[in-house]
Amino acid sequence: MSTEPRPPAAAAELPEPSPWNVPNALTVLRILLVPVFVWLVLRHGGDETASRWWAFLVFAIAIITDRIDGDLARAKGLVTTFGKVADPIADKALTGAGFITLSMIGQIPWWITVVILAREIGITAMRFWVIRHGVMPASRGGKIKTFLQALAIGLFVMPLASLPVELLWRGIAWAILIGALLVTIATAVDYVMKALTLRSTSERARTKQDRREGRG
């Protein structure tokens, strides 16, 4: 029998944390707040001041949970598959509901909502298109886009007519919305270029190219 020492066994991978945790609960709460937010914005045709303020409060709470759940999950090692899937769904549901309802009550032109939603759906579909070649992480521009969109929605949800110096607030809201629209379009172009580069330079792409050239 050999007396040579055996190499140490490879450390077993840590099991994924249970999905029953606080960050995931906050994500679920954000999803549940979406229909409440929509109901408050559309209540009485969007003309009731109190309902609009409540809608703003609900939206603000949802946005805060978006920041907290991600930071908490990473800090406490509670990142789960459920969270990775549910978190972006919650984000898209909240911002999508915000733009659609605001267009329904005439606060934001429909063409802006269509452009923004088409970008979100298109980029999400493109991520799946290139998933076999690699993962496209969120860029700094994408994070700025998300922040500007949320800020614009929050401002337009507020009953600006009830605020002092209404024209100033409305001008700020429109400036942020236009900024969000421009960043949304710019980041879409950037993501498309990155996706095309990834598909042509990934290990999978090089392997396929070698096979076509008879080097595989």
N, C-alpha and C. Protein backbone atom coordinates (compact mmCIF):
# COMPACT_ATOMS: atom_id res chain seq x y z
N MET A 1 0.86 -1.20 0.00
CA MET A 1 0.00 0.00 0.00
C MET A 1 0.89 1.24 0.00
N SER A 2 0.57 2.18 -0.84
CA SER A 2 1.37 3.39 -0.92
C SER A 2 1.22 4.22 0.34
N THR A 3 2.35 4.76 0.79
CA THR A 3 2.32 5.61 1.99
C THR A 3 2.46 7.09 1.64
N GLU A 4 2.43 7.39 0.32
CA GLU A 4 2.56 8.79 -0.09
C GLU A 4 1.34 9.57 0.38
N PRO A 5 1.55 10.74 0.88
CA PRO A 5 0.39 11.53 1.36
C PRO A 5 -0.51 11.89 0.20
N ARG A 6 -1.78 11.82 0.44
CA ARG A 6 -2.75 12.18 -0.58
C ARG A 6 -2.89 13.70 -0.64
N PRO A 7 -3.10 14.21 -1.86
CA PRO A 7 -3.31 15.66 -1.97
C PRO A 7 -4.59 16.04 -1.27
N PRO A 8 -4.64 17.21 -0.67
CA PRO A 8 -5.86 17.63 0.02
C PRO A 8 -7.02 17.70 -0.93
N ALA A 9 -8.17 17.26 -0.45
CA ALA A 9 -9.37 17.29 -1.29
C ALA A 9 -9.75 18.72 -1.59
N ALA A 10 -10.25 18.91 -2.80
CA ALA A 10 -10.66 20.26 -3.19
C ALA A 10 -11.80 20.73 -2.31
N ALA A 11 -11.70 21.97 -1.94
CA ALA A 11 -12.76 22.51 -1.07
C ALA A 11 -14.09 22.48 -1.80
N ALA A 12 -15.07 21.95 -1.09
CA ALA A 12 -16.40 21.88 -1.69
C ALA A 12 -16.98 23.28 -1.87
N GLU A 13 -17.67 23.46 -2.96
CA GLU A 13 -18.29 24.74 -3.20
C GLU A 13 -19.36 24.99 -2.14
N LEU A 14 -19.41 26.23 -1.70
CA LEU A 14 -20.43 26.58 -0.72
C LEU A 14 -21.80 26.51 -1.35
N PRO A 15 -22.78 25.96 -0.64
CA PRO A 15 -24.13 25.89 -1.20
C PRO A 15 -24.73 27.29 -1.35
N GLU A 16 -25.62 27.42 -2.31
CA GLU A 16 -26.27 28.71 -2.50
C GLU A 16 -27.14 29.03 -1.29
N PRO A 17 -27.14 30.28 -0.84
CA PRO A 17 -27.97 30.65 0.31
C PRO A 17 -29.45 30.38 0.02
N SER A 18 -30.21 30.19 1.06
CA SER A 18 -31.65 29.99 0.91
C SER A 18 -32.28 31.23 0.30
N PRO A 19 -33.23 31.05 -0.64
CA PRO A 19 -33.90 32.22 -1.22
C PRO A 19 -34.78 32.95 -0.21
N TRP A 20 -35.04 32.30 0.93
CA TRP A 20 -35.86 32.94 1.97
C TRP A 20 -34.96 33.86 2.80
N ASN A 21 -34.71 35.04 2.28
CA ASN A 21 -33.86 35.99 2.99
C ASN A 21 -34.40 37.41 2.79
N VAL A 22 -33.83 38.34 3.54
CA VAL A 22 -34.33 39.72 3.53
C VAL A 22 -34.18 40.40 2.16
N PRO A 23 -33.02 40.29 1.48
CA PRO A 23 -32.92 40.94 0.17
C PRO A 23 -33.99 40.47 -0.81
N ASN A 24 -34.25 39.16 -0.86
CA ASN A 24 -35.28 38.66 -1.76
C ASN A 24 -36.67 39.11 -1.33
N ALA A 25 -36.88 39.23 -0.02
CA ALA A 25 -38.17 39.72 0.47
C ALA A 25 -38.39 41.16 0.02
N LEU A 26 -37.33 41.96 0.02
CA LEU A 26 -37.45 43.34 -0.45
C LEU A 26 -37.73 43.39 -1.94
N THR A 27 -37.13 42.47 -2.69
CA THR A 27 -37.40 42.41 -4.13
C THR A 27 -38.86 42.06 -4.39
N VAL A 28 -39.38 41.07 -3.65
CA VAL A 28 -40.78 40.69 -3.79
C VAL A 28 -41.69 41.85 -3.40
N LEU A 29 -41.32 42.56 -2.33
CA LEU A 29 -42.10 43.73 -1.91
C LEU A 29 -42.16 44.76 -3.03
N ARG A 30 -41.04 44.97 -3.72
CA ARG A 30 -41.01 45.93 -4.82
C ARG A 30 -41.96 45.51 -5.94
N ILE A 31 -42.01 44.23 -6.23
CA ILE A 31 -42.93 43.74 -7.26
C ILE A 31 -44.38 43.96 -6.82
N LEU A 32 -44.68 43.68 -5.54
CA LEU A 32 -46.03 43.85 -5.03
C LEU A 32 -46.46 45.32 -4.98
N LEU A 33 -45.49 46.21 -4.87
CA LEU A 33 -45.82 47.63 -4.83
C LEU A 33 -46.19 48.19 -6.20
N VAL A 34 -45.82 47.49 -7.27
CA VAL A 34 -46.09 47.99 -8.62
C VAL A 34 -47.59 48.20 -8.86
N PRO A 35 -48.47 47.21 -8.63
CA PRO A 35 -49.89 47.46 -8.87
C PRO A 35 -50.47 48.53 -7.94
N VAL A 36 -49.95 48.64 -6.72
CA VAL A 36 -50.40 49.70 -5.81
C VAL A 36 -50.04 51.06 -6.39
N PHE A 37 -48.82 51.18 -6.88
CA PHE A 37 -48.36 52.42 -7.51
C PHE A 37 -49.22 52.78 -8.71
N VAL A 38 -49.48 51.81 -9.57
CA VAL A 38 -50.30 52.06 -10.77
C VAL A 38 -51.69 52.54 -10.38
N TRP A 39 -52.30 51.87 -9.41
CA TRP A 39 -53.66 52.24 -8.97
C TRP A 39 -53.68 53.67 -8.44
N LEU A 40 -52.67 54.05 -7.67
CA LEU A 40 -52.65 55.39 -7.10
C LEU A 40 -52.46 56.46 -8.17
N VAL A 41 -51.60 56.19 -9.16
CA VAL A 41 -51.37 57.17 -10.22
C VAL A 41 -52.64 57.36 -11.06
N LEU A 42 -53.32 56.27 -11.37
CA LEU A 42 -54.48 56.34 -12.25
C LEU A 42 -55.77 56.70 -11.53
N ARG A 43 -55.75 56.72 -10.21
CA ARG A 43 -56.97 56.99 -9.44
C ARG A 43 -57.54 58.36 -9.79
N HIS A 44 -58.83 58.36 -10.09
CA HIS A 44 -59.53 59.60 -10.47
C HIS A 44 -58.86 60.27 -11.67
N GLY A 45 -58.36 59.44 -12.60
CA GLY A 45 -57.77 59.98 -13.82
C GLY A 45 -56.45 60.67 -13.61
N GLY A 46 -55.84 60.44 -12.46
CA GLY A 46 -54.55 61.07 -12.18
C GLY A 46 -54.65 62.51 -11.71
N ASP A 47 -55.88 62.97 -11.41
CA ASP A 47 -56.07 64.37 -11.06
C ASP A 47 -56.16 64.63 -9.56
N GLU A 48 -56.14 63.56 -8.75
CA GLU A 48 -56.26 63.76 -7.31
C GLU A 48 -54.89 63.97 -6.68
N THR A 49 -54.71 65.12 -6.05
CA THR A 49 -53.41 65.48 -5.48
C THR A 49 -52.94 64.48 -4.44
N ALA A 50 -53.83 64.10 -3.52
CA ALA A 50 -53.44 63.19 -2.44
C ALA A 50 -52.97 61.85 -2.99
N SER A 51 -53.69 61.32 -3.99
CA SER A 51 -53.31 60.03 -4.57
C SER A 51 -51.95 60.11 -5.25
N ARG A 52 -51.67 61.23 -5.90
CA ARG A 52 -50.38 61.39 -6.57
C ARG A 52 -49.24 61.45 -5.55
N TRP A 53 -49.47 62.10 -4.42
CA TRP A 53 -48.43 62.13 -3.39
C TRP A 53 -48.20 60.75 -2.80
N TRP A 54 -49.29 59.99 -2.60
CA TRP A 54 -49.15 58.62 -2.11
C TRP A 54 -48.41 57.76 -3.14
N ALA A 55 -48.71 57.98 -4.42
CA ALA A 55 -48.02 57.24 -5.47
C ALA A 55 -46.53 57.56 -5.45
N PHE A 56 -46.19 58.83 -5.24
CA PHE A 56 -44.79 59.22 -5.15
C PHE A 56 -44.11 58.53 -3.97
N LEU A 57 -44.81 58.45 -2.83
CA LEU A 57 -44.25 57.79 -1.66
C LEU A 57 -44.00 56.31 -1.93
N VAL A 58 -44.97 55.64 -2.54
CA VAL A 58 -44.82 54.22 -2.86
C VAL A 58 -43.66 54.01 -3.82
N PHE A 59 -43.54 54.87 -4.82
CA PHE A 59 -42.45 54.75 -5.79
C PHE A 59 -41.11 54.97 -5.10
N ALA A 60 -41.04 55.95 -4.20
CA ALA A 60 -39.79 56.23 -3.49
C ALA A 60 -39.39 55.03 -2.63
N ILE A 61 -40.36 54.41 -1.95
CA ILE A 61 -40.06 53.23 -1.13
C ILE A 61 -39.53 52.10 -2.00
N ALA A 62 -40.17 51.91 -3.17
CA ALA A 62 -39.74 50.83 -4.07
C ALA A 62 -38.31 51.08 -4.56
N ILE A 63 -37.99 52.32 -4.90
CA ILE A 63 -36.64 52.65 -5.38
C ILE A 63 -35.61 52.43 -4.27
N ILE A 64 -35.97 52.80 -3.04
CA ILE A 64 -35.05 52.60 -1.92
C ILE A 64 -34.78 51.12 -1.69
N THR A 65 -35.83 50.28 -1.78
CA THR A 65 -35.62 48.83 -1.60
C THR A 65 -34.73 48.27 -2.69
N ASP A 66 -34.78 48.87 -3.88
CA ASP A 66 -33.92 48.41 -4.98
C ASP A 66 -32.45 48.58 -4.60
N ARG A 67 -32.12 49.70 -3.96
CA ARG A 67 -30.74 49.94 -3.56
C ARG A 67 -30.35 49.05 -2.38
N ILE A 68 -31.26 48.93 -1.43
CA ILE A 68 -30.94 48.19 -0.21
C ILE A 68 -30.76 46.70 -0.48
N ASP A 69 -31.66 46.09 -1.27
CA ASP A 69 -31.59 44.63 -1.43
C ASP A 69 -30.30 44.18 -2.11
N GLY A 70 -29.84 44.94 -3.11
CA GLY A 70 -28.59 44.57 -3.77
C GLY A 70 -27.38 44.70 -2.86
N ASP A 71 -27.30 45.84 -2.17
CA ASP A 71 -26.17 46.06 -1.26
C ASP A 71 -26.17 45.02 -0.14
N LEU A 72 -27.34 44.72 0.40
CA LEU A 72 -27.44 43.77 1.51
C LEU A 72 -27.08 42.35 1.06
N ALA A 73 -27.55 41.98 -0.13
CA ALA A 73 -27.27 40.63 -0.63
C ALA A 73 -25.78 40.43 -0.84
N ARG A 74 -25.10 41.43 -1.38
CA ARG A 74 -23.65 41.30 -1.61
C ARG A 74 -22.88 41.35 -0.30
N ALA A 75 -23.29 42.22 0.62
CA ALA A 75 -22.56 42.37 1.88
C ALA A 75 -22.69 41.14 2.77
N LYS A 76 -23.85 40.49 2.75
CA LYS A 76 -24.10 39.36 3.64
C LYS A 76 -23.96 38.01 2.94
N GLY A 77 -23.52 38.01 1.68
CA GLY A 77 -23.37 36.75 0.96
C GLY A 77 -24.69 36.06 0.71
N LEU A 78 -25.72 36.84 0.40
CA LEU A 78 -27.07 36.29 0.21
C LEU A 78 -27.53 36.38 -1.25
N VAL A 79 -26.56 36.40 -2.17
CA VAL A 79 -26.90 36.44 -3.59
C VAL A 79 -27.43 35.07 -4.01
N THR A 80 -28.62 35.03 -4.58
CA THR A 80 -29.25 33.77 -4.99
C THR A 80 -29.70 33.85 -6.44
N THR A 81 -29.97 32.69 -7.02
CA THR A 81 -30.47 32.64 -8.39
C THR A 81 -31.80 33.36 -8.50
N PHE A 82 -32.65 33.17 -7.49
CA PHE A 82 -33.95 33.86 -7.49
C PHE A 82 -33.75 35.37 -7.54
N GLY A 83 -32.83 35.86 -6.71
CA GLY A 83 -32.59 37.29 -6.68
C GLY A 83 -32.06 37.83 -7.99
N LYS A 84 -31.15 37.07 -8.64
CA LYS A 84 -30.59 37.50 -9.91
C LYS A 84 -31.67 37.62 -10.99
N VAL A 85 -32.68 36.74 -10.92
CA VAL A 85 -33.75 36.77 -11.91
C VAL A 85 -34.82 37.79 -11.54
N ALA A 86 -35.23 37.79 -10.25
CA ALA A 86 -36.35 38.62 -9.82
C ALA A 86 -36.00 40.10 -9.75
N ASP A 87 -34.76 40.43 -9.39
CA ASP A 87 -34.40 41.84 -9.21
C ASP A 87 -34.55 42.66 -10.49
N PRO A 88 -33.97 42.23 -11.63
CA PRO A 88 -34.18 43.03 -12.84
C PRO A 88 -35.63 43.04 -13.31
N ILE A 89 -36.37 41.95 -13.05
CA ILE A 89 -37.79 41.94 -13.40
C ILE A 89 -38.53 43.00 -12.61
N ALA A 90 -38.23 43.09 -11.32
CA ALA A 90 -38.87 44.10 -10.47
C ALA A 90 -38.53 45.51 -10.94
N ASP A 91 -37.27 45.72 -11.31
CA ASP A 91 -36.85 47.04 -11.78
C ASP A 91 -37.58 47.43 -13.05
N LYS A 92 -37.60 46.51 -14.02
CA LYS A 92 -38.25 46.82 -15.30
C LYS A 92 -39.75 47.00 -15.11
N ALA A 93 -40.37 46.21 -14.23
CA ALA A 93 -41.81 46.34 -13.98
C ALA A 93 -42.13 47.70 -13.38
N LEU A 94 -41.29 48.16 -12.46
CA LEU A 94 -41.54 49.43 -11.79
C LEU A 94 -41.37 50.61 -12.73
N THR A 95 -40.25 50.67 -13.45
CA THR A 95 -40.03 51.79 -14.35
C THR A 95 -40.99 51.74 -15.54
N GLY A 96 -41.26 50.53 -16.04
CA GLY A 96 -42.21 50.40 -17.14
C GLY A 96 -43.59 50.88 -16.74
N ALA A 97 -44.03 50.48 -15.55
CA ALA A 97 -45.34 50.92 -15.05
C ALA A 97 -45.36 52.43 -14.87
N GLY A 98 -44.23 52.99 -14.42
CA GLY A 98 -44.17 54.43 -14.24
C GLY A 98 -44.36 55.19 -15.54
N PHE A 99 -43.62 54.81 -16.57
CA PHE A 99 -43.73 55.52 -17.85
C PHE A 99 -45.10 55.31 -18.49
N ILE A 100 -45.62 54.10 -18.44
CA ILE A 100 -46.91 53.82 -19.08
C ILE A 100 -48.03 54.59 -18.40
N THR A 101 -48.08 54.54 -17.07
CA THR A 101 -49.17 55.24 -16.37
C THR A 101 -49.06 56.75 -16.55
N LEU A 102 -47.85 57.29 -16.55
CA LEU A 102 -47.70 58.72 -16.75
C LEU A 102 -48.12 59.14 -18.16
N SER A 103 -47.90 58.27 -19.13
CA SER A 103 -48.38 58.56 -20.49
C SER A 103 -49.90 58.46 -20.55
N MET A 104 -50.46 57.51 -19.81
CA MET A 104 -51.92 57.34 -19.80
C MET A 104 -52.64 58.57 -19.25
N ILE A 105 -52.02 59.27 -18.30
CA ILE A 105 -52.68 60.46 -17.74
C ILE A 105 -52.15 61.75 -18.38
N GLY A 106 -51.39 61.60 -19.46
CA GLY A 106 -50.98 62.76 -20.24
C GLY A 106 -49.81 63.54 -19.70
N GLN A 107 -49.02 62.97 -18.79
CA GLN A 107 -47.88 63.69 -18.23
C GLN A 107 -46.63 63.55 -19.10
N ILE A 108 -46.48 62.41 -19.75
CA ILE A 108 -45.32 62.15 -20.60
C ILE A 108 -45.82 61.70 -21.97
N PRO A 109 -45.27 62.24 -23.07
CA PRO A 109 -45.70 61.82 -24.41
C PRO A 109 -45.47 60.32 -24.62
N TRP A 110 -46.41 59.70 -25.33
CA TRP A 110 -46.29 58.25 -25.56
C TRP A 110 -45.04 57.89 -26.32
N TRP A 111 -44.57 58.76 -27.24
CA TRP A 111 -43.41 58.37 -28.05
C TRP A 111 -42.16 58.20 -27.17
N ILE A 112 -42.05 59.01 -26.11
CA ILE A 112 -40.92 58.85 -25.20
C ILE A 112 -41.01 57.51 -24.47
N THR A 113 -42.20 57.18 -24.00
CA THR A 113 -42.40 55.90 -23.32
C THR A 113 -42.09 54.74 -24.24
N VAL A 114 -42.54 54.82 -25.49
CA VAL A 114 -42.31 53.73 -26.44
C VAL A 114 -40.81 53.56 -26.70
N VAL A 115 -40.09 54.66 -26.89
CA VAL A 115 -38.65 54.58 -27.15
C VAL A 115 -37.93 53.94 -25.97
N ILE A 116 -38.26 54.36 -24.76
CA ILE A 116 -37.58 53.84 -23.57
C ILE A 116 -37.91 52.37 -23.36
N LEU A 117 -39.18 51.99 -23.50
CA LEU A 117 -39.55 50.59 -23.29
C LEU A 117 -38.99 49.70 -24.38
N ALA A 118 -38.96 50.20 -25.62
CA ALA A 118 -38.38 49.42 -26.72
C ALA A 118 -36.90 49.17 -26.46
N ARG A 119 -36.20 50.16 -25.92
CA ARG A 119 -34.79 49.99 -25.58
C ARG A 119 -34.62 48.93 -24.51
N GLU A 120 -35.43 49.00 -23.46
CA GLU A 120 -35.30 48.05 -22.35
C GLU A 120 -35.57 46.61 -22.82
N ILE A 121 -36.63 46.44 -23.60
CA ILE A 121 -36.97 45.11 -24.09
C ILE A 121 -35.90 44.62 -25.07
N GLY A 122 -35.45 45.51 -25.95
CA GLY A 122 -34.46 45.12 -26.95
C GLY A 122 -33.13 44.72 -26.33
N ILE A 123 -32.65 45.49 -25.35
CA ILE A 123 -31.37 45.17 -24.72
C ILE A 123 -31.47 43.88 -23.92
N THR A 124 -32.61 43.68 -23.26
CA THR A 124 -32.80 42.43 -22.52
C THR A 124 -32.77 41.23 -23.46
N ALA A 125 -33.45 41.35 -24.61
CA ALA A 125 -33.44 40.27 -25.59
C ALA A 125 -32.04 40.05 -26.14
N MET A 126 -31.29 41.13 -26.33
CA MET A 126 -29.93 41.01 -26.87
C MET A 126 -29.00 40.32 -25.88
N ARG A 127 -29.21 40.54 -24.58
CA ARG A 127 -28.40 39.85 -23.58
C ARG A 127 -28.57 38.34 -23.71
N PHE A 128 -29.82 37.89 -23.95
CA PHE A 128 -30.05 36.47 -24.16
C PHE A 128 -29.44 35.99 -25.47
N TRP A 129 -29.40 36.87 -26.46
CA TRP A 129 -28.85 36.53 -27.77
C TRP A 129 -27.36 36.21 -27.68
N VAL A 130 -26.66 36.91 -26.77
CA VAL A 130 -25.21 36.71 -26.67
C VAL A 130 -24.81 35.90 -25.44
N ILE A 131 -25.78 35.34 -24.72
CA ILE A 131 -25.47 34.69 -23.45
C ILE A 131 -24.51 33.52 -23.63
N ARG A 132 -24.55 32.84 -24.79
CA ARG A 132 -23.64 31.71 -25.02
C ARG A 132 -22.19 32.17 -25.21
N HIS A 133 -22.01 33.43 -25.51
CA HIS A 133 -20.67 33.96 -25.72
C HIS A 133 -20.11 34.64 -24.47
N GLY A 134 -20.99 35.01 -23.56
CA GLY A 134 -20.54 35.68 -22.34
C GLY A 134 -21.63 36.56 -21.78
N VAL A 135 -21.38 37.06 -20.58
CA VAL A 135 -22.35 37.91 -19.90
C VAL A 135 -21.97 39.37 -20.11
N MET A 136 -22.95 40.18 -20.44
CA MET A 136 -22.72 41.61 -20.60
C MET A 136 -23.09 42.31 -19.29
N PRO A 137 -22.12 42.74 -18.51
CA PRO A 137 -22.43 43.39 -17.24
C PRO A 137 -23.02 44.78 -17.46
N ALA A 138 -23.73 45.25 -16.44
CA ALA A 138 -24.29 46.60 -16.51
C ALA A 138 -23.15 47.61 -16.55
N SER A 139 -23.26 48.56 -17.45
CA SER A 139 -22.22 49.58 -17.59
C SER A 139 -22.52 50.76 -16.68
N ARG A 140 -21.55 51.62 -16.53
CA ARG A 140 -21.76 52.85 -15.75
C ARG A 140 -22.86 53.69 -16.37
N GLY A 141 -22.85 53.75 -17.72
CA GLY A 141 -23.90 54.50 -18.40
C GLY A 141 -25.28 53.92 -18.14
N GLY A 142 -25.36 52.57 -18.06
CA GLY A 142 -26.63 51.94 -17.77
C GLY A 142 -27.14 52.29 -16.39
N LYS A 143 -26.22 52.40 -15.44
CA LYS A 143 -26.63 52.77 -14.07
C LYS A 143 -27.09 54.22 -14.01
N ILE A 144 -26.41 55.09 -14.76
CA ILE A 144 -26.83 56.49 -14.82
C ILE A 144 -28.21 56.58 -15.47
N LYS A 145 -28.42 55.80 -16.51
CA LYS A 145 -29.71 55.77 -17.20
C LYS A 145 -30.83 55.39 -16.24
N THR A 146 -30.60 54.33 -15.46
CA THR A 146 -31.60 53.87 -14.50
C THR A 146 -31.90 54.95 -13.47
N PHE A 147 -30.85 55.62 -12.98
CA PHE A 147 -31.04 56.68 -11.98
C PHE A 147 -31.86 57.83 -12.56
N LEU A 148 -31.52 58.28 -13.77
CA LEU A 148 -32.24 59.39 -14.39
C LEU A 148 -33.69 59.04 -14.68
N GLN A 149 -33.92 57.81 -15.14
CA GLN A 149 -35.29 57.39 -15.40
C GLN A 149 -36.12 57.40 -14.12
N ALA A 150 -35.56 56.86 -13.04
CA ALA A 150 -36.29 56.82 -11.77
C ALA A 150 -36.55 58.24 -11.26
N LEU A 151 -35.56 59.12 -11.39
CA LEU A 151 -35.72 60.50 -10.93
C LEU A 151 -36.80 61.21 -11.74
N ALA A 152 -36.80 60.98 -13.06
CA ALA A 152 -37.81 61.61 -13.91
C ALA A 152 -39.21 61.12 -13.56
N ILE A 153 -39.35 59.81 -13.38
CA ILE A 153 -40.67 59.27 -13.02
C ILE A 153 -41.14 59.86 -11.70
N GLY A 154 -40.24 59.90 -10.71
CA GLY A 154 -40.62 60.45 -9.42
C GLY A 154 -41.10 61.88 -9.51
N LEU A 155 -40.41 62.71 -10.29
CA LEU A 155 -40.80 64.11 -10.43
C LEU A 155 -42.14 64.26 -11.14
N PHE A 156 -42.36 63.48 -12.19
CA PHE A 156 -43.62 63.60 -12.93
C PHE A 156 -44.80 63.00 -12.16
N VAL A 157 -44.52 62.05 -11.27
CA VAL A 157 -45.60 61.50 -10.45
C VAL A 157 -46.06 62.53 -9.42
N MET A 158 -45.14 63.35 -8.94
CA MET A 158 -45.52 64.39 -7.99
C MET A 158 -46.56 65.33 -8.62
N PRO A 159 -47.56 65.77 -7.86
CA PRO A 159 -48.52 66.74 -8.41
C PRO A 159 -47.87 68.12 -8.48
N LEU A 160 -47.16 68.38 -9.57
CA LEU A 160 -46.36 69.59 -9.67
C LEU A 160 -47.19 70.86 -9.57
N ALA A 161 -48.46 70.77 -9.98
CA ALA A 161 -49.33 71.95 -9.93
C ALA A 161 -49.57 72.41 -8.50
N SER A 162 -49.36 71.51 -7.55
CA SER A 162 -49.59 71.88 -6.14
C SER A 162 -48.35 72.45 -5.48
N LEU A 163 -47.24 72.50 -6.20
CA LEU A 163 -45.99 72.98 -5.63
C LEU A 163 -45.79 74.47 -5.93
N PRO A 164 -45.10 75.18 -5.03
CA PRO A 164 -44.75 76.57 -5.35
C PRO A 164 -43.74 76.59 -6.48
N VAL A 165 -43.78 77.64 -7.27
CA VAL A 165 -42.90 77.78 -8.44
C VAL A 165 -43.04 76.54 -9.34
N GLU A 166 -44.27 76.25 -9.73
CA GLU A 166 -44.56 75.05 -10.53
C GLU A 166 -43.73 74.99 -11.80
N LEU A 167 -43.58 76.13 -12.50
CA LEU A 167 -42.85 76.13 -13.76
C LEU A 167 -41.40 75.70 -13.58
N LEU A 168 -40.81 76.07 -12.45
CA LEU A 168 -39.42 75.67 -12.19
C LEU A 168 -39.33 74.16 -12.02
N TRP A 169 -40.20 73.60 -11.22
CA TRP A 169 -40.21 72.15 -11.00
C TRP A 169 -40.49 71.41 -12.30
N ARG A 170 -41.44 71.93 -13.09
CA ARG A 170 -41.76 71.26 -14.35
C ARG A 170 -40.58 71.32 -15.31
N GLY A 171 -39.87 72.44 -15.31
CA GLY A 171 -38.69 72.55 -16.17
C GLY A 171 -37.60 71.57 -15.75
N ILE A 172 -37.40 71.42 -14.44
CA ILE A 172 -36.41 70.45 -13.94
C ILE A 172 -36.81 69.03 -14.35
N ALA A 173 -38.11 68.72 -14.20
CA ALA A 173 -38.59 67.38 -14.55
C ALA A 173 -38.35 67.08 -16.02
N TRP A 174 -38.64 68.05 -16.88
CA TRP A 174 -38.46 67.83 -18.31
C TRP A 174 -36.98 67.72 -18.67
N ALA A 175 -36.14 68.51 -18.04
CA ALA A 175 -34.70 68.45 -18.32
C ALA A 175 -34.16 67.07 -17.95
N ILE A 176 -34.57 66.54 -16.82
CA ILE A 176 -34.10 65.21 -16.40
C ILE A 176 -34.66 64.13 -17.31
N LEU A 177 -35.92 64.28 -17.73
CA LEU A 177 -36.51 63.29 -18.63
C LEU A 177 -35.78 63.25 -19.97
N ILE A 178 -35.49 64.41 -20.54
CA ILE A 178 -34.77 64.46 -21.81
C ILE A 178 -33.37 63.88 -21.63
N GLY A 179 -32.73 64.19 -20.50
CA GLY A 179 -31.42 63.60 -20.22
C GLY A 179 -31.50 62.09 -20.14
N ALA A 180 -32.53 61.58 -19.46
CA ALA A 180 -32.72 60.13 -19.35
C ALA A 180 -32.93 59.51 -20.72
N LEU A 181 -33.70 60.19 -21.58
CA LEU A 181 -33.96 59.68 -22.93
C LEU A 181 -32.67 59.60 -23.74
N LEU A 182 -31.85 60.65 -23.67
CA LEU A 182 -30.61 60.67 -24.43
C LEU A 182 -29.64 59.60 -23.95
N VAL A 183 -29.53 59.45 -22.63
CA VAL A 183 -28.64 58.42 -22.08
C VAL A 183 -29.17 57.03 -22.42
N THR A 184 -30.49 56.88 -22.42
CA THR A 184 -31.11 55.60 -22.78
C THR A 184 -30.73 55.19 -24.19
N ILE A 185 -30.80 56.14 -25.12
CA ILE A 185 -30.46 55.85 -26.52
C ILE A 185 -28.96 55.60 -26.67
N ALA A 186 -28.14 56.44 -26.01
CA ALA A 186 -26.68 56.30 -26.12
C ALA A 186 -26.21 54.96 -25.57
N THR A 187 -26.76 54.54 -24.43
CA THR A 187 -26.34 53.26 -23.85
C THR A 187 -26.83 52.09 -24.69
N ALA A 188 -27.97 52.26 -25.36
CA ALA A 188 -28.44 51.20 -26.24
C ALA A 188 -27.45 50.96 -27.37
N VAL A 189 -26.96 52.04 -27.97
CA VAL A 189 -25.96 51.92 -29.05
C VAL A 189 -24.69 51.27 -28.50
N ASP A 190 -24.27 51.68 -27.31
CA ASP A 190 -23.07 51.12 -26.70
C ASP A 190 -23.22 49.62 -26.45
N TYR A 191 -24.38 49.20 -25.94
CA TYR A 191 -24.61 47.78 -25.67
C TYR A 191 -24.63 46.97 -26.96
N VAL A 192 -25.20 47.53 -28.02
CA VAL A 192 -25.24 46.82 -29.30
C VAL A 192 -23.82 46.60 -29.82
N MET A 193 -22.98 47.62 -29.74
CA MET A 193 -21.59 47.49 -30.19
C MET A 193 -20.84 46.45 -29.34
N LYS A 194 -21.07 46.46 -28.04
CA LYS A 194 -20.42 45.49 -27.17
C LYS A 194 -20.90 44.08 -27.47
N ALA A 195 -22.19 43.93 -27.76
CA ALA A 195 -22.72 42.61 -28.06
C ALA A 195 -22.13 42.05 -29.34
N LEU A 196 -22.03 42.90 -30.37
CA LEU A 196 -21.44 42.46 -31.64
C LEU A 196 -19.97 42.09 -31.47
N THR A 197 -19.26 42.87 -30.66
CA THR A 197 -17.85 42.56 -30.39
C THR A 197 -17.72 41.25 -29.64
N LEU A 198 -18.57 41.05 -28.65
CA LEU A 198 -18.53 39.83 -27.85
C LEU A 198 -18.79 38.61 -28.72
N ARG A 199 -19.76 38.70 -29.61
CA ARG A 199 -20.09 37.55 -30.47
C ARG A 199 -18.97 37.22 -31.44
N SER A 200 -18.15 38.21 -31.79
CA SER A 200 -17.09 37.96 -32.77
C SER A 200 -15.74 37.65 -32.13
N THR A 201 -15.57 37.94 -30.83
CA THR A 201 -14.26 37.74 -30.20
C THR A 201 -14.27 36.75 -29.05
N SER A 202 -15.41 36.19 -28.71
CA SER A 202 -15.47 35.27 -27.58
C SER A 202 -14.76 33.95 -27.91
N GLU A 203 -14.49 33.16 -26.89
CA GLU A 203 -13.87 31.85 -27.08
C GLU A 203 -14.72 30.97 -27.98
N ARG A 204 -16.02 31.04 -27.81
CA ARG A 204 -16.93 30.24 -28.65
C ARG A 204 -16.82 30.67 -30.11
N ALA A 205 -16.75 31.99 -30.33
CA ALA A 205 -16.65 32.49 -31.71
C ALA A 205 -15.33 32.07 -32.34
N ARG A 206 -14.23 32.13 -31.57
CA ARG A 206 -12.93 31.72 -32.11
C ARG A 206 -12.90 30.22 -32.43
N THR A 207 -13.55 29.42 -31.58
CA THR A 207 -13.60 27.98 -31.83
C THR A 207 -14.35 27.68 -33.13
N LYS A 208 -15.48 28.36 -33.32
CA LYS A 208 -16.26 28.16 -34.55
C LYS A 208 -15.47 28.60 -35.77
N GLN A 209 -14.72 29.70 -35.63
CA GLN A 209 -13.91 30.19 -36.75
C GLN A 209 -12.81 29.19 -37.10
N ASP A 210 -12.17 28.62 -36.07
CA ASP A 210 -11.13 27.62 -36.31
C ASP A 210 -11.68 26.40 -37.03
N ARG A 211 -12.88 25.98 -36.65
CA ARG A 211 -13.50 24.81 -37.29
C ARG A 211 -13.79 25.09 -38.74
N ARG A 212 -14.28 26.30 -39.02
CA ARG A 212 -14.56 26.65 -40.43
C ARG A 212 -13.30 26.68 -41.26
N GLU A 213 -12.18 27.07 -40.63
CA GLU A 213 -10.93 27.14 -41.36
C GLU A 213 -10.14 25.84 -41.32
N GLY A 214 -10.74 24.81 -40.70
CA GLY A 214 -10.10 23.50 -40.69
C GLY A 214 -9.01 23.33 -39.69
N ARG A 215 -8.97 24.20 -38.66
CA ARG A 215 -7.93 24.11 -37.67
C ARG A 215 -8.40 23.45 -36.38
N GLY A 216 -9.65 23.05 -36.35
CA GLY A 216 -10.18 22.48 -35.11
C GLY A 216 -9.81 21.01 -34.97
